[in-house]
Amino acid sequence: MEPLYLEDDEFNKSFELAPRVACNLFVVDREDRFLLTRRALEPERGKWHLPGSLLLKHETIDQCLVRTAAQELGFPISARDCRLKIVHENISGDPRGHIVNLIYKYRLLKDVLMTPWGDSSEMSLFTSIPEDMGFNHAEILKKLV
């Protein structure tokens, strides 16, 4: 079955009914800098965050990770190269509702273009956590760096 996107009203309503699962990428380069994207969409537009997406109905976690890289980073990844690092529950840090974040580490083995892509207005590599982080991603990064 193909992954199923919800209509906007159904998507927003889903947060009232149950927790949602998000698959996030903690992308690091050879120098252990980590990649963040600046959100182009609400909520948290203009804030830095870990690239990620909510899991769709009929979508595996591996498929979600690959889709996230394509939609937010503009380069392909292999899910087999992703390793689960932490699970972080976010009950109140997302304005939409209760999110269970699965954080997967992906190591860049070659340089990539830092060109804004899709759902991101900017991409950059960091050595420390920027102040203008969205959602609860600063809290997550403190556990990872």
C-alpha atoms as a PDB file:
ATOM      1  CA  MET A   1       0.000   0.000   0.000  1.00  0.00           C
ATOM      2  CA  GLU A   2       1.100   3.529  -0.690  1.00  0.00           C
ATOM      3  CA  PRO A   3       1.676   5.913   2.246  1.00  0.00           C
ATOM      4  CA  LEU A   4      -1.408   7.972   2.945  1.00  0.00           C
ATOM      5  CA  TYR A   5      -1.342  11.727   3.448  1.00  0.00           C
ATOM      6  CA  LEU A   6      -4.242  13.161   5.425  1.00  0.00           C
ATOM      7  CA  GLU A   7      -6.217  16.209   4.357  1.00  0.00           C
ATOM      8  CA  ASP A   8      -5.308  19.291   6.431  1.00  0.00           C
ATOM      9  CA  ASP A   9      -8.369  19.108   8.682  1.00  0.00           C
ATOM     10  CA  GLU A  10      -7.880  15.373   9.317  1.00  0.00           C
ATOM     11  CA  PHE A  11      -4.158  15.932   9.943  1.00  0.00           C
ATOM     12  CA  ASN A  12      -4.831  18.639  12.546  1.00  0.00           C
ATOM     13  CA  LYS A  13      -7.606  16.595  14.172  1.00  0.00           C
ATOM     14  CA  SER A  14      -5.295  13.569  14.495  1.00  0.00           C
ATOM     15  CA  PHE A  15      -3.263  15.398  17.175  1.00  0.00           C
ATOM     16  CA  GLU A  16      -6.376  15.675  19.332  1.00  0.00           C
ATOM     17  CA  LEU A  17      -7.035  11.953  19.105  1.00  0.00           C
ATOM     18  CA  ALA A  18      -3.672  10.291  19.776  1.00  0.00           C
ATOM     19  CA  PRO A  19       0.087  10.827  19.986  1.00  0.00           C
ATOM     20  CA  ARG A  20       1.877  11.043  16.622  1.00  0.00           C
ATOM     21  CA  VAL A  21       5.224   9.449  15.725  1.00  0.00           C
ATOM     22  CA  ALA A  22       7.933  11.599  14.116  1.00  0.00           C
ATOM     23  CA  CYS A  23      11.074  10.237  12.468  1.00  0.00           C
ATOM     24  CA  ASN A  24      13.949  12.728  12.761  1.00  0.00           C
ATOM     25  CA  LEU A  25      17.443  12.681  11.286  1.00  0.00           C
ATOM     26  CA  PHE A  26      20.507  13.621  13.312  1.00  0.00           C
ATOM     27  CA  VAL A  27      22.871  14.117  10.381  1.00  0.00           C
ATOM     28  CA  VAL A  28      26.583  14.506  11.207  1.00  0.00           C
ATOM     29  CA  ASP A  29      29.535  15.075   8.903  1.00  0.00           C
ATOM     30  CA  ARG A  30      33.105  13.756   9.092  1.00  0.00           C
ATOM     31  CA  GLU A  31      34.003  16.580  11.500  1.00  0.00           C
ATOM     32  CA  ASP A  32      31.056  15.757  13.813  1.00  0.00           C
ATOM     33  CA  ARG A  33      29.199  18.929  12.886  1.00  0.00           C
ATOM     34  CA  PHE A  34      25.454  18.395  12.839  1.00  0.00           C
ATOM     35  CA  LEU A  35      23.045  19.511  10.157  1.00  0.00           C
ATOM     36  CA  LEU A  36      19.938  21.521  10.965  1.00  0.00           C
ATOM     37  CA  THR A  37      17.303  23.003   8.690  1.00  0.00           C
ATOM     38  CA  ARG A  38      15.324  26.179   9.127  1.00  0.00           C
ATOM     39  CA  ARG A  39      11.600  25.517   8.815  1.00  0.00           C
ATOM     40  CA  ALA A  40       9.807  27.075   5.872  1.00  0.00           C
ATOM     41  CA  LEU A  41       6.377  25.996   7.159  1.00  0.00           C
ATOM     42  CA  GLU A  42       4.246  26.544  10.236  1.00  0.00           C
ATOM     43  CA  PRO A  43       4.401  25.647  13.006  1.00  0.00           C
ATOM     44  CA  GLU A  44       7.758  27.059  14.116  1.00  0.00           C
ATOM     45  CA  ARG A  45       8.468  28.719  10.743  1.00  0.00           C
ATOM     46  CA  GLY A  46      11.934  30.277  10.705  1.00  0.00           C
ATOM     47  CA  LYS A  47      13.288  28.152  13.579  1.00  0.00           C
ATOM     48  CA  TRP A  48      16.134  25.656  13.324  1.00  0.00           C
ATOM     49  CA  HIS A  49      15.204  22.012  13.795  1.00  0.00           C
ATOM     50  CA  LEU A  50      16.264  18.457  13.094  1.00  0.00           C
ATOM     51  CA  PRO A  51      14.998  17.366   9.697  1.00  0.00           C
ATOM     52  CA  GLY A  52      12.030  15.119  10.307  1.00  0.00           C
ATOM     53  CA  SER A  53       8.529  14.139   9.404  1.00  0.00           C
ATOM     54  CA  LEU A  54       5.508  12.519  10.911  1.00  0.00           C
ATOM     55  CA  LEU A  55       5.055   8.877  10.013  1.00  0.00           C
ATOM     56  CA  LEU A  56       2.300   8.367   7.447  1.00  0.00           C
ATOM     57  CA  LYS A  57      -0.297   5.610   7.473  1.00  0.00           C
ATOM     58  CA  HIS A  58       1.013   2.559   5.535  1.00  0.00           C
ATOM     59  CA  GLU A  59       4.584   3.938   5.703  1.00  0.00           C
ATOM     60  CA  THR A  60       7.460   2.134   7.389  1.00  0.00           C
ATOM     61  CA  ILE A  61       9.969   4.012   9.522  1.00  0.00           C
ATOM     62  CA  ASP A  62      12.649   3.311   6.908  1.00  0.00           C
ATOM     63  CA  GLN A  63      10.431   4.794   4.187  1.00  0.00           C
ATOM     64  CA  CYS A  64       9.778   7.851   6.343  1.00  0.00           C
ATOM     65  CA  LEU A  65      13.512   8.442   6.862  1.00  0.00           C
ATOM     66  CA  VAL A  66      14.194   8.221   3.123  1.00  0.00           C
ATOM     67  CA  ARG A  67      11.231  10.517   2.344  1.00  0.00           C
ATOM     68  CA  THR A  68      12.363  13.032   4.963  1.00  0.00           C
ATOM     69  CA  ALA A  69      15.844  13.276   3.443  1.00  0.00           C
ATOM     70  CA  ALA A  70      14.376  13.771  -0.020  1.00  0.00           C
ATOM     71  CA  GLN A  71      11.781  16.348   1.089  1.00  0.00           C
ATOM     72  CA  GLU A  72      13.851  18.355   3.567  1.00  0.00           C
ATOM     73  CA  LEU A  73      17.482  17.843   2.558  1.00  0.00           C
ATOM     74  CA  GLY A  74      17.322  17.260  -1.177  1.00  0.00           C
ATOM     75  CA  PHE A  75      19.701  14.312  -1.190  1.00  0.00           C
ATOM     76  CA  PRO A  76      19.090  10.572  -1.004  1.00  0.00           C
ATOM     77  CA  ILE A  77      19.981   8.424   1.971  1.00  0.00           C
ATOM     78  CA  SER A  78      19.773   4.729   2.656  1.00  0.00           C
ATOM     79  CA  ALA A  79      17.727   3.779   5.706  1.00  0.00           C
ATOM     80  CA  ARG A  80      20.153   0.926   6.401  1.00  0.00           C
ATOM     81  CA  ASP A  81      22.770   3.595   7.188  1.00  0.00           C
ATOM     82  CA  CYS A  82      20.558   5.166   9.879  1.00  0.00           C
ATOM     83  CA  ARG A  83      20.888   4.113  13.514  1.00  0.00           C
ATOM     84  CA  LEU A  84      18.292   4.765  16.205  1.00  0.00           C
ATOM     85  CA  LYS A  85      19.930   6.979  18.851  1.00  0.00           C
ATOM     86  CA  ILE A  86      17.126   8.063  21.177  1.00  0.00           C
ATOM     87  CA  VAL A  87      13.385   8.127  21.590  1.00  0.00           C
ATOM     88  CA  HIS A  88      12.171  11.438  22.980  1.00  0.00           C
ATOM     89  CA  GLU A  89       8.585  12.036  24.001  1.00  0.00           C
ATOM     90  CA  ASN A  90       7.326  15.572  23.485  1.00  0.00           C
ATOM     91  CA  ILE A  91       4.038  16.099  25.286  1.00  0.00           C
ATOM     92  CA  SER A  92       3.971  19.899  25.324  1.00  0.00           C
ATOM     93  CA  GLY A  93       6.873  21.191  23.168  1.00  0.00           C
ATOM     94  CA  ASP A  94       5.020  20.973  19.857  1.00  0.00           C
ATOM     95  CA  PRO A  95       2.085  23.345  19.365  1.00  0.00           C
ATOM     96  CA  ARG A  96       0.190  20.645  17.486  1.00  0.00           C
ATOM     97  CA  GLY A  97       0.208  18.100  20.303  1.00  0.00           C
ATOM     98  CA  HIS A  98       1.848  14.982  21.735  1.00  0.00           C
ATOM     99  CA  ILE A  99       4.743  13.716  19.575  1.00  0.00           C
ATOM    100  CA  VAL A 100       6.950  10.662  20.034  1.00  0.00           C
ATOM    101  CA  ASN A 101      10.256  11.507  18.309  1.00  0.00           C
ATOM    102  CA  LEU A 102      12.451   8.722  16.971  1.00  0.00           C
ATOM    103  CA  ILE A 103      15.905  10.210  16.409  1.00  0.00           C
ATOM    104  CA  TYR A 104      18.100   8.392  13.882  1.00  0.00           C
ATOM    105  CA  LYS A 105      21.759   9.208  13.329  1.00  0.00           C
ATOM    106  CA  TYR A 106      23.008   9.391   9.762  1.00  0.00           C
ATOM    107  CA  ARG A 107      26.689  10.058   8.995  1.00  0.00           C
ATOM    108  CA  LEU A 108      27.568  12.001   5.856  1.00  0.00           C
ATOM    109  CA  LEU A 109      30.491  10.309   4.151  1.00  0.00           C
ATOM    110  CA  LYS A 110      30.864  13.012   1.495  1.00  0.00           C
ATOM    111  CA  ASP A 111      30.172  16.709   1.194  1.00  0.00           C
ATOM    112  CA  VAL A 112      26.652  17.704   0.222  1.00  0.00           C
ATOM    113  CA  LEU A 113      25.248  20.933  -1.124  1.00  0.00           C
ATOM    114  CA  MET A 114      23.776  23.088   1.631  1.00  0.00           C
ATOM    115  CA  THR A 115      21.010  24.372  -0.603  1.00  0.00           C
ATOM    116  CA  PRO A 116      17.553  25.029   0.856  1.00  0.00           C
ATOM    117  CA  TRP A 117      15.208  22.344  -0.345  1.00  0.00           C
ATOM    118  CA  GLY A 118      11.509  21.586  -0.158  1.00  0.00           C
ATOM    119  CA  ASP A 119      10.225  22.177   3.369  1.00  0.00           C
ATOM    120  CA  SER A 120      13.456  23.939   4.447  1.00  0.00           C
ATOM    121  CA  SER A 121      14.337  27.600   3.909  1.00  0.00           C
ATOM    122  CA  GLU A 122      17.974  27.133   4.972  1.00  0.00           C
ATOM    123  CA  MET A 123      20.407  24.350   5.879  1.00  0.00           C
ATOM    124  CA  SER A 124      23.625  24.607   7.848  1.00  0.00           C
ATOM    125  CA  LEU A 125      26.177  22.580   9.803  1.00  0.00           C
ATOM    126  CA  PHE A 126      26.660  23.424  13.485  1.00  0.00           C
ATOM    127  CA  THR A 127      29.141  22.664  16.248  1.00  0.00           C
ATOM    128  CA  SER A 128      26.888  24.037  18.990  1.00  0.00           C
ATOM    129  CA  ILE A 129      23.142  24.355  19.480  1.00  0.00           C
ATOM    130  CA  PRO A 130      21.742  27.622  18.074  1.00  0.00           C
ATOM    131  CA  GLU A 131      19.441  29.724  20.238  1.00  0.00           C
ATOM    132  CA  ASP A 132      16.521  29.908  17.829  1.00  0.00           C
ATOM    133  CA  MET A 133      15.535  26.233  17.887  1.00  0.00           C
ATOM    134  CA  GLY A 134      11.991  25.079  17.225  1.00  0.00           C
ATOM    135  CA  PHE A 135       9.834  22.528  18.983  1.00  0.00           C
ATOM    136  CA  ASN A 136      11.889  20.809  21.695  1.00  0.00           C
ATOM    137  CA  HIS A 137      14.822  20.045  19.442  1.00  0.00           C
ATOM    138  CA  ALA A 138      17.364  21.931  21.589  1.00  0.00           C
ATOM    139  CA  GLU A 139      16.498  19.525  24.407  1.00  0.00           C
ATOM    140  CA  ILE A 140      16.987  16.573  22.060  1.00  0.00           C
ATOM    141  CA  LEU A 141      20.321  17.911  20.770  1.00  0.00           C
ATOM    142  CA  LYS A 142      21.628  18.278  24.333  1.00  0.00           C
ATOM    143  CA  LYS A 143      21.328  14.501  24.607  1.00  0.00           C
ATOM    144  CA  LEU A 144      23.149  13.936  21.324  1.00  0.00           C
ATOM    145  CA  VAL A 145      26.076  16.384  21.224  1.00  0.00           C
END
